[in-house]
Amino acid sequence: MANEAISDIFPGLSAFARELILEGRDEGLSAIEQWQQQRCAICAAHQPGRLVLDHDHTTALVRGYLCRSCNVREAHTYGPFELYRQRNPATILGVSSVYESIFGVAKPAAPVDPDLWRKNPASGIGL
């Protein structure tokens, strides 16, 4: 993908952000920050220095920056929150960074056993 193609898709990005996307480096977080312009990826609230980095607990990959209110409600709500989960800033920009916090690098969640309810010891007893 050429710089010109990314410029057409994301006209507000600087040459530095385009370079980060093209190279696919972990510094892609900088591209997300620049693209969001200190606005929540869901409600667009402008909150300089107060946004939190959101990540998918299943994959441990960063999705984007959210205000605290949207970050708390995101996992339990549909509508714009569901749309955000499907098409978040990291997905749009092609960034695939693993979430890191003061506790270290996040690990992907264990896969859910599809037969979990069939293996339930209470199944078949009329509960």
C-alpha atoms as a PDB file:
ATOM      1  CA  MET A   1       0.000   0.000   0.000  1.00  0.00           C
ATOM      2  CA  ALA A   2       1.499   3.305  -1.011  1.00  0.00           C
ATOM      3  CA  ASN A   3       1.565   6.466   1.080  1.00  0.00           C
ATOM      4  CA  GLU A   4      -0.839   8.045  -1.384  1.00  0.00           C
ATOM      5  CA  ALA A   5      -3.457   5.317  -0.806  1.00  0.00           C
ATOM      6  CA  ILE A   6      -3.329   5.777   2.967  1.00  0.00           C
ATOM      7  CA  SER A   7      -3.550   9.552   2.495  1.00  0.00           C
ATOM      8  CA  ASP A   8      -6.735   9.083   0.502  1.00  0.00           C
ATOM      9  CA  ILE A   9      -8.278   6.837   3.159  1.00  0.00           C
ATOM     10  CA  PHE A  10      -7.076   8.848   6.178  1.00  0.00           C
ATOM     11  CA  PRO A  11      -6.460  12.408   5.013  1.00  0.00           C
ATOM     12  CA  GLY A  12      -5.844  13.738   8.550  1.00  0.00           C
ATOM     13  CA  LEU A  13      -2.837  11.504   9.260  1.00  0.00           C
ATOM     14  CA  SER A  14       0.645  12.950   9.278  1.00  0.00           C
ATOM     15  CA  ALA A  15       3.480  11.442   7.274  1.00  0.00           C
ATOM     16  CA  PHE A  16       4.808   9.987  10.557  1.00  0.00           C
ATOM     17  CA  ALA A  17       1.528   8.166  11.280  1.00  0.00           C
ATOM     18  CA  ARG A  18       1.344   6.846   7.710  1.00  0.00           C
ATOM     19  CA  GLU A  19       4.891   5.546   8.073  1.00  0.00           C
ATOM     20  CA  LEU A  20       3.977   3.713  11.281  1.00  0.00           C
ATOM     21  CA  ILE A  21       1.024   2.054   9.599  1.00  0.00           C
ATOM     22  CA  LEU A  22       3.026   1.077   6.541  1.00  0.00           C
ATOM     23  CA  GLU A  23       5.851  -0.402   8.597  1.00  0.00           C
ATOM     24  CA  GLY A  24       3.466  -2.205  10.973  1.00  0.00           C
ATOM     25  CA  ARG A  25       5.629  -1.455  14.002  1.00  0.00           C
ATOM     26  CA  ASP A  26       4.373  -1.599  17.579  1.00  0.00           C
ATOM     27  CA  GLU A  27       4.532   2.171  17.588  1.00  0.00           C
ATOM     28  CA  GLY A  28       1.161   1.857  15.868  1.00  0.00           C
ATOM     29  CA  LEU A  29      -0.241   3.090  19.173  1.00  0.00           C
ATOM     30  CA  SER A  30       1.135   6.483  18.213  1.00  0.00           C
ATOM     31  CA  ALA A  31      -0.847   6.295  14.987  1.00  0.00           C
ATOM     32  CA  ILE A  32      -4.015   5.494  16.957  1.00  0.00           C
ATOM     33  CA  GLU A  33      -3.380   8.394  19.339  1.00  0.00           C
ATOM     34  CA  GLN A  34      -2.817  10.798  16.493  1.00  0.00           C
ATOM     35  CA  TRP A  35      -5.832   9.578  14.510  1.00  0.00           C
ATOM     36  CA  GLN A  36      -8.205   9.811  17.492  1.00  0.00           C
ATOM     37  CA  GLN A  37      -6.961  13.321  18.378  1.00  0.00           C
ATOM     38  CA  GLN A  38      -7.579  12.787  22.114  1.00  0.00           C
ATOM     39  CA  ARG A  39     -11.214  11.858  21.504  1.00  0.00           C
ATOM     40  CA  CYS A  40     -13.020   8.769  22.763  1.00  0.00           C
ATOM     41  CA  ALA A  41     -13.401   6.225  19.957  1.00  0.00           C
ATOM     42  CA  ILE A  42     -17.057   5.660  20.912  1.00  0.00           C
ATOM     43  CA  CYS A  43     -18.627   8.925  22.108  1.00  0.00           C
ATOM     44  CA  ALA A  44     -16.012  11.334  20.644  1.00  0.00           C
ATOM     45  CA  ALA A  45     -15.648  13.183  23.971  1.00  0.00           C
ATOM     46  CA  HIS A  46     -12.508  15.320  23.851  1.00  0.00           C
ATOM     47  CA  GLN A  47     -10.583  14.411  27.009  1.00  0.00           C
ATOM     48  CA  PRO A  48      -6.875  15.219  26.679  1.00  0.00           C
ATOM     49  CA  GLY A  49      -4.791  13.064  29.008  1.00  0.00           C
ATOM     50  CA  ARG A  50      -7.801  11.247  30.446  1.00  0.00           C
ATOM     51  CA  LEU A  51      -8.494   8.519  27.885  1.00  0.00           C
ATOM     52  CA  VAL A  52      -7.734   4.901  28.744  1.00  0.00           C
ATOM     53  CA  LEU A  53      -6.314   2.307  26.394  1.00  0.00           C
ATOM     54  CA  ASP A  54      -8.938  -0.344  25.653  1.00  0.00           C
ATOM     55  CA  HIS A  55      -8.144  -3.911  24.649  1.00  0.00           C
ATOM     56  CA  ASP A  56      -9.944  -7.108  23.725  1.00  0.00           C
ATOM     57  CA  HIS A  57      -9.710  -9.544  26.642  1.00  0.00           C
ATOM     58  CA  THR A  58     -10.046 -12.525  24.307  1.00  0.00           C
ATOM     59  CA  THR A  59      -7.150 -11.634  21.992  1.00  0.00           C
ATOM     60  CA  ALA A  60      -5.218  -9.240  24.308  1.00  0.00           C
ATOM     61  CA  LEU A  61      -4.929  -6.820  21.368  1.00  0.00           C
ATOM     62  CA  VAL A  62      -5.346  -3.062  21.730  1.00  0.00           C
ATOM     63  CA  ARG A  63      -8.520  -1.613  20.184  1.00  0.00           C
ATOM     64  CA  GLY A  64      -8.296   2.123  20.848  1.00  0.00           C
ATOM     65  CA  TYR A  65      -8.604   4.892  23.418  1.00  0.00           C
ATOM     66  CA  LEU A  66     -11.878   5.395  25.308  1.00  0.00           C
ATOM     67  CA  CYS A  67     -13.186   7.759  27.950  1.00  0.00           C
ATOM     68  CA  ARG A  68     -13.619   6.050  31.319  1.00  0.00           C
ATOM     69  CA  SER A  69     -17.398   5.993  30.978  1.00  0.00           C
ATOM     70  CA  CYS A  70     -17.373   4.207  27.622  1.00  0.00           C
ATOM     71  CA  ASN A  71     -14.599   1.856  28.753  1.00  0.00           C
ATOM     72  CA  VAL A  72     -16.720   0.670  31.691  1.00  0.00           C
ATOM     73  CA  ARG A  73     -19.893   0.264  29.603  1.00  0.00           C
ATOM     74  CA  GLU A  74     -18.263  -1.135  26.462  1.00  0.00           C
ATOM     75  CA  ALA A  75     -18.297  -4.826  27.408  1.00  0.00           C
ATOM     76  CA  HIS A  76     -21.914  -4.871  28.528  1.00  0.00           C
ATOM     77  CA  THR A  77     -23.692  -2.747  25.964  1.00  0.00           C
ATOM     78  CA  TYR A  78     -24.808  -2.986  22.345  1.00  0.00           C
ATOM     79  CA  GLY A  79     -25.446  -0.305  19.711  1.00  0.00           C
ATOM     80  CA  PRO A  80     -22.405   1.930  19.219  1.00  0.00           C
ATOM     81  CA  PHE A  81     -20.402  -0.277  21.589  1.00  0.00           C
ATOM     82  CA  GLU A  82     -21.000  -3.336  19.425  1.00  0.00           C
ATOM     83  CA  LEU A  83     -19.998  -1.342  16.336  1.00  0.00           C
ATOM     84  CA  TYR A  84     -16.830  -0.226  18.120  1.00  0.00           C
ATOM     85  CA  ARG A  85     -15.916  -3.834  18.947  1.00  0.00           C
ATOM     86  CA  GLN A  86     -16.327  -4.771  15.280  1.00  0.00           C
ATOM     87  CA  ARG A  87     -14.532  -1.753  13.784  1.00  0.00           C
ATOM     88  CA  ASN A  88     -12.260  -0.026  16.257  1.00  0.00           C
ATOM     89  CA  PRO A  89      -9.340   2.350  15.568  1.00  0.00           C
ATOM     90  CA  ALA A  90      -6.710  -0.417  15.694  1.00  0.00           C
ATOM     91  CA  THR A  91      -8.657  -2.486  13.165  1.00  0.00           C
ATOM     92  CA  ILE A  92      -9.221   0.510  10.893  1.00  0.00           C
ATOM     93  CA  LEU A  93      -5.549   1.495  10.984  1.00  0.00           C
ATOM     94  CA  GLY A  94      -4.223  -2.065  10.789  1.00  0.00           C
ATOM     95  CA  VAL A  95      -2.448  -1.886  14.160  1.00  0.00           C
ATOM     96  CA  SER A  96      -1.990  -5.137  16.072  1.00  0.00           C
ATOM     97  CA  SER A  97      -0.300  -4.295  19.359  1.00  0.00           C
ATOM     98  CA  VAL A  98      -0.605  -6.457  22.450  1.00  0.00           C
ATOM     99  CA  TYR A  99      -1.950  -4.578  25.462  1.00  0.00           C
ATOM    100  CA  GLU A 100       0.587  -3.748  28.174  1.00  0.00           C
ATOM    101  CA  SER A 101      -0.153  -2.296  31.589  1.00  0.00           C
ATOM    102  CA  ILE A 102       1.710  -1.763  34.838  1.00  0.00           C
ATOM    103  CA  PHE A 103       1.024  -5.451  35.493  1.00  0.00           C
ATOM    104  CA  GLY A 104       2.823  -6.553  32.329  1.00  0.00           C
ATOM    105  CA  VAL A 105       1.779  -7.846  28.929  1.00  0.00           C
ATOM    106  CA  ALA A 106      -1.816  -9.082  28.690  1.00  0.00           C
ATOM    107  CA  LYS A 107      -2.337 -12.726  27.818  1.00  0.00           C
ATOM    108  CA  PRO A 108      -5.188 -13.896  25.580  1.00  0.00           C
ATOM    109  CA  ALA A 109      -8.067 -15.454  27.508  1.00  0.00           C
ATOM    110  CA  ALA A 110      -8.333 -19.223  27.579  1.00  0.00           C
ATOM    111  CA  PRO A 111     -10.645 -20.486  24.831  1.00  0.00           C
ATOM    112  CA  VAL A 112     -14.181 -21.210  25.980  1.00  0.00           C
ATOM    113  CA  ASP A 113     -15.130 -24.879  25.875  1.00  0.00           C
ATOM    114  CA  PRO A 114     -18.083 -25.110  23.439  1.00  0.00           C
ATOM    115  CA  ASP A 115     -19.444 -28.136  25.359  1.00  0.00           C
ATOM    116  CA  LEU A 116     -19.307 -26.350  28.719  1.00  0.00           C
ATOM    117  CA  TRP A 117     -23.045 -26.637  29.385  1.00  0.00           C
ATOM    118  CA  ARG A 118     -23.270 -30.250  28.227  1.00  0.00           C
ATOM    119  CA  LYS A 119     -20.539 -31.159  30.711  1.00  0.00           C
ATOM    120  CA  ASN A 120     -22.384 -29.409  33.532  1.00  0.00           C
ATOM    121  CA  PRO A 121     -22.991 -31.904  36.373  1.00  0.00           C
ATOM    122  CA  ALA A 122     -26.485 -30.443  36.859  1.00  0.00           C
ATOM    123  CA  SER A 123     -27.574 -31.023  33.266  1.00  0.00           C
ATOM    124  CA  GLY A 124     -30.450 -33.431  32.797  1.00  0.00           C
ATOM    125  CA  ILE A 125     -31.765 -33.207  36.381  1.00  0.00           C
ATOM    126  CA  GLY A 126     -34.512 -30.709  35.644  1.00  0.00           C
ATOM    127  CA  LEU A 127     -32.887 -27.486  36.842  1.00  0.00           C
END
